[in-house]
Amino acid sequence: MMFLAFLSNKASFETVIKSFYHFIIKMKKYFAQKMIE
């Protein structure tokens, strides 16, 4: 039971990291465009 909870937690943890990573990339692109203008 604990093992299943660990796996589900790991999956959600990876999802959080991926979404955070994509957010950072979006911000980088946004600021890069602002610098060019």
C-alpha atoms as a PDB file:
ATOM      1  CA  MET A   1       0.000   0.000   0.000  1.00  0.00           C
ATOM      2  CA  MET A   2       2.803   2.399   0.905  1.00  0.00           C
ATOM      3  CA  PHE A   3       4.561   1.445  -2.320  1.00  0.00           C
ATOM      4  CA  LEU A   4       1.532   2.459  -4.425  1.00  0.00           C
ATOM      5  CA  ALA A   5       1.299   5.766  -2.566  1.00  0.00           C
ATOM      6  CA  PHE A   6       4.989   6.347  -3.245  1.00  0.00           C
ATOM      7  CA  LEU A   7       4.535   5.686  -6.968  1.00  0.00           C
ATOM      8  CA  SER A   8       1.555   8.052  -7.248  1.00  0.00           C
ATOM      9  CA  ASN A   9       3.464  10.722  -5.319  1.00  0.00           C
ATOM     10  CA  LYS A  10       6.463  10.298  -7.617  1.00  0.00           C
ATOM     11  CA  ALA A  11       4.234  10.683 -10.691  1.00  0.00           C
ATOM     12  CA  SER A  12       2.628  13.888  -9.388  1.00  0.00           C
ATOM     13  CA  PHE A  13       6.060  15.172  -8.373  1.00  0.00           C
ATOM     14  CA  GLU A  14       7.355  14.697 -11.923  1.00  0.00           C
ATOM     15  CA  THR A  15       4.261  16.436 -13.299  1.00  0.00           C
ATOM     16  CA  VAL A  16       4.917  19.445 -11.059  1.00  0.00           C
ATOM     17  CA  ILE A  17       8.551  19.610 -12.187  1.00  0.00           C
ATOM     18  CA  LYS A  18       7.584  19.357 -15.863  1.00  0.00           C
ATOM     19  CA  SER A  19       4.949  22.091 -15.613  1.00  0.00           C
ATOM     20  CA  PHE A  20       7.393  24.299 -13.689  1.00  0.00           C
ATOM     21  CA  TYR A  21      10.048  23.673 -16.359  1.00  0.00           C
ATOM     22  CA  HIS A  22       7.645  24.637 -19.151  1.00  0.00           C
ATOM     23  CA  PHE A  23       6.684  27.762 -17.197  1.00  0.00           C
ATOM     24  CA  ILE A  24      10.348  28.817 -16.989  1.00  0.00           C
ATOM     25  CA  ILE A  25      10.810  28.273 -20.738  1.00  0.00           C
ATOM     26  CA  LYS A  26       7.746  30.429 -21.469  1.00  0.00           C
ATOM     27  CA  MET A  27       9.089  33.191 -19.243  1.00  0.00           C
ATOM     28  CA  LYS A  28      12.486  33.037 -20.962  1.00  0.00           C
ATOM     29  CA  LYS A  29      10.872  33.377 -24.403  1.00  0.00           C
ATOM     30  CA  TYR A  30       8.672  36.209 -23.150  1.00  0.00           C
ATOM     31  CA  PHE A  31      11.596  38.189 -21.714  1.00  0.00           C
ATOM     32  CA  ALA A  32      13.718  37.476 -24.792  1.00  0.00           C
ATOM     33  CA  GLN A  33      11.027  39.075 -26.970  1.00  0.00           C
ATOM     34  CA  LYS A  34      10.789  42.045 -24.601  1.00  0.00           C
ATOM     35  CA  MET A  35      14.555  42.582 -24.824  1.00  0.00           C
ATOM     36  CA  ILE A  36      14.461  42.545 -28.641  1.00  0.00           C
ATOM     37  CA  GLU A  37      11.692  45.147 -28.865  1.00  0.00           C
END
